[in-house]
Protein backbone atom coordinates (compact mmCIF):
# COMPACT_ATOMS: atom_id res chain seq x y z
CA UNK A 1 177.61 153.94 106.00
CA UNK A 2 177.82 152.42 102.52
CA UNK A 3 177.73 148.70 101.97
CA UNK A 4 179.42 146.83 99.22
CA UNK A 5 177.25 144.55 97.11
CA UNK A 6 177.07 141.10 98.69
CA UNK A 7 177.03 139.19 95.39
CA UNK A 8 180.56 140.34 94.59
CA UNK A 9 183.19 137.69 95.35
CA UNK A 10 186.74 138.74 95.98
CA UNK A 11 189.03 136.60 93.84
CA UNK A 12 192.32 137.96 95.16
CA UNK A 13 195.34 137.55 92.96
CA UNK A 14 194.37 133.94 92.14
CA UNK A 15 191.58 135.02 89.83
CA UNK A 16 189.91 132.42 87.67
CA UNK A 17 188.12 134.95 85.52
CA UNK A 18 188.97 135.22 81.85
CA UNK A 19 191.73 137.71 81.10
CA UNK A 20 193.89 138.19 78.07
CA UNK A 21 196.45 136.05 79.92
CA UNK A 22 194.02 133.13 80.10
CA UNK A 23 191.35 133.23 77.40
CA UNK A 24 188.20 131.21 77.99
CA UNK A 25 187.73 127.87 76.26
CA UNK A 26 191.45 127.26 75.80
CA UNK A 27 192.96 123.96 76.93
CA UNK A 28 196.44 124.79 78.21
CA UNK A 29 199.19 122.18 78.13
CA UNK A 30 201.61 122.74 81.01
CA UNK A 31 205.33 122.22 80.73
CA UNK A 32 206.52 118.87 82.05
CA UNK A 33 207.45 118.89 85.72
CA UNK A 34 210.70 117.23 84.68
CA UNK A 35 211.78 120.73 83.64
CA UNK A 36 212.00 121.69 87.35
CA UNK A 37 215.00 119.46 88.17
CA UNK A 38 216.68 120.53 84.93
CA UNK A 39 216.41 124.20 85.90
CA UNK A 40 217.40 123.52 89.53
CA UNK A 41 220.51 121.59 88.44
CA UNK A 42 221.46 124.48 86.17
CA UNK A 43 220.97 126.86 89.09
CA UNK A 44 223.08 124.66 91.36
CA UNK A 45 225.99 124.78 88.92
CA UNK A 46 226.24 128.53 89.56
CA UNK A 47 225.37 128.62 93.27
CA UNK A 48 227.20 125.63 94.78
CA UNK A 49 230.85 126.52 93.88
CA UNK A 50 230.86 129.99 95.53
CA UNK A 51 228.92 128.60 98.47
CA UNK A 52 231.47 125.78 98.89
CA UNK A 53 234.30 128.32 98.72
CA UNK A 54 232.61 130.37 101.46
CA UNK A 55 232.32 127.21 103.62
CA UNK A 56 236.05 126.54 103.14
CA UNK A 57 236.88 130.12 104.14
CA UNK A 58 234.61 129.84 107.19
CA UNK A 59 236.28 126.62 108.35
CA UNK A 60 239.87 127.67 107.63
CA UNK A 61 240.00 131.41 108.28
CA UNK A 62 237.15 133.07 110.10
CA UNK A 63 233.76 132.14 111.51
CA UNK A 64 232.45 135.41 110.10
CA UNK A 65 232.35 133.69 106.71
CA UNK A 66 229.37 131.66 107.96
CA UNK A 67 227.29 134.81 107.38
CA UNK A 68 228.34 134.68 103.73
CA UNK A 69 227.34 131.00 103.60
CA UNK A 70 223.96 131.91 105.12
CA UNK A 71 223.54 134.65 102.52
CA UNK A 72 224.32 132.22 99.70
CA UNK A 73 221.90 129.68 101.17
CA UNK A 74 219.09 132.24 101.39
CA UNK A 75 219.69 133.46 97.85
CA UNK A 76 219.82 129.87 96.58
CA UNK A 77 216.55 128.98 98.33
CA UNK A 78 214.83 132.10 96.95
CA UNK A 79 216.15 131.43 93.41
CA UNK A 80 215.00 127.80 93.60
CA UNK A 81 211.51 128.87 94.69
CA UNK A 82 211.33 131.42 91.85
CA UNK A 83 212.57 128.82 89.36
CA UNK A 84 209.84 126.35 90.34
CA UNK A 85 207.17 129.06 90.10
CA UNK A 86 208.39 130.09 86.62
CA UNK A 87 208.31 126.51 85.33
CA UNK A 88 204.82 125.93 86.72
CA UNK A 89 203.57 129.07 84.94
CA UNK A 90 204.83 127.97 81.49
CA UNK A 91 202.13 126.51 79.21
CA UNK A 92 200.91 126.52 75.63
CA UNK A 93 197.62 126.02 73.83
CA UNK A 94 196.87 125.05 70.26
CA UNK A 95 193.93 126.83 68.66
CA UNK A 96 192.56 126.59 65.13
CA UNK A 97 194.58 129.50 63.70
CA UNK A 98 197.37 130.11 66.19
CA UNK A 99 199.44 128.86 69.08
CA UNK A 100 199.36 130.59 72.46
CA UNK A 101 202.40 130.50 74.74
CA UNK A 102 202.14 131.88 78.28
CA UNK A 103 204.80 132.30 80.91
CA UNK A 104 205.53 134.23 84.06
CA UNK A 105 203.82 134.82 87.39
CA UNK A 106 204.68 138.38 88.30
CA UNK A 107 205.62 139.56 84.81
CA UNK A 108 203.19 137.60 82.68
CA UNK A 109 203.40 137.32 78.94
CA UNK A 110 201.27 135.65 76.33
CA UNK A 111 202.68 135.20 72.85
CA UNK A 112 200.30 134.45 70.00
CA UNK A 113 201.97 132.77 67.04
CA UNK A 114 199.78 132.49 63.93
CA UNK A 115 200.40 129.19 62.15
CA UNK A 116 200.60 130.94 58.79
CA UNK A 117 203.56 133.05 59.99
CA UNK A 118 205.72 130.09 61.06
CA UNK A 119 208.77 129.53 58.91
CA UNK A 120 210.17 126.49 60.68
CA UNK A 121 209.93 124.62 63.95
CA UNK A 122 213.07 123.40 65.72
CA UNK A 123 213.33 120.75 68.44
CA UNK A 124 216.40 120.78 70.71
CA UNK A 125 217.48 118.80 73.74
CA UNK A 126 220.81 119.04 75.53
CA UNK A 127 222.37 116.23 77.53
CA UNK A 128 220.52 117.09 80.75
CA UNK A 129 217.19 117.48 78.95
CA UNK A 130 217.69 114.14 77.16
CA UNK A 131 218.49 112.44 80.46
CA UNK A 132 215.23 113.84 81.89
CA UNK A 133 213.22 113.01 78.76
CA UNK A 134 212.28 116.58 77.78
CA UNK A 135 212.93 118.87 74.84
CA UNK A 136 212.50 122.50 73.80
CA UNK A 137 210.55 123.49 70.71
CA UNK A 138 211.57 126.78 69.12
CA UNK A 139 209.10 128.40 66.73
CA UNK A 140 210.64 130.69 64.12
CA UNK A 141 208.35 133.14 62.36
CA UNK A 142 208.60 135.84 59.72
CA UNK A 143 208.73 138.42 62.52
CA UNK A 144 211.42 138.01 65.18
CA UNK A 145 209.08 139.59 67.75
CA UNK A 146 206.69 136.65 67.64
CA UNK A 147 209.23 133.86 67.98
CA UNK A 148 208.32 131.60 70.88
CA UNK A 149 209.77 128.58 72.62
CA UNK A 150 208.06 125.73 74.43
CA UNK A 151 210.34 124.40 77.16
CA UNK A 152 209.71 121.17 79.00
CA UNK A 153 207.91 119.30 76.24
CA UNK A 154 208.08 115.53 76.86
CA UNK A 155 210.51 114.05 74.34
CA UNK A 156 207.89 111.59 73.08
CA UNK A 157 205.50 114.44 72.28
CA UNK A 158 208.07 116.88 70.89
CA UNK A 159 208.37 115.34 67.41
CA UNK A 160 204.61 114.88 67.11
CA UNK A 161 204.01 118.49 68.19
CA UNK A 162 206.64 119.73 65.73
CA UNK A 163 204.99 117.81 62.89
CA UNK A 164 201.51 118.99 63.89
CA UNK A 165 202.62 122.65 64.09
CA UNK A 166 204.44 122.38 60.76
CA UNK A 167 201.44 120.85 58.99
CA UNK A 168 199.10 123.50 60.43
CA UNK A 169 201.53 126.19 59.30
CA UNK A 170 201.64 124.77 55.78
CA UNK A 171 197.83 124.52 55.69
CA UNK A 172 197.45 128.13 56.82
CA UNK A 173 200.07 129.29 54.35
CA UNK A 174 198.36 127.42 51.49
CA UNK A 175 195.10 129.14 52.39
CA UNK A 176 196.56 132.62 51.85
């Protein structure tokens, strides 16, 4: 019988070890939790009308429509859970030469945007985002493949972050 080494600790899927998805010595800034209600309201706009129509059909025509309502409710609950998990996985980190943007739980992605490649930085906020006090920062680079967006940035920090990213980009570009 073979024994596994006892000093080995199983981390499971919640690993805290350094991977290319989470480099060591990087201070990640998470998206504001105010992005969760914004995304859930947007989800509700698409889920509630068909669900309400199914309730009307169930009340007026046939009780079999309650199965459709149950289906909509299960799909809505699953989509809401996924939406919350996606928002909680979104973060960014500023390093000396580049900006890291990570997102996703199951399908993870990390985008590295070198400051010297940034052409301009755009801050946007729709009516719902303004009401919740958040904004989205869109980074435009020389290569469309490295464009990145930071959703859920607190509105107070968005302009400062835009200015800081722009000045770092100009400094990196001047150093070329």
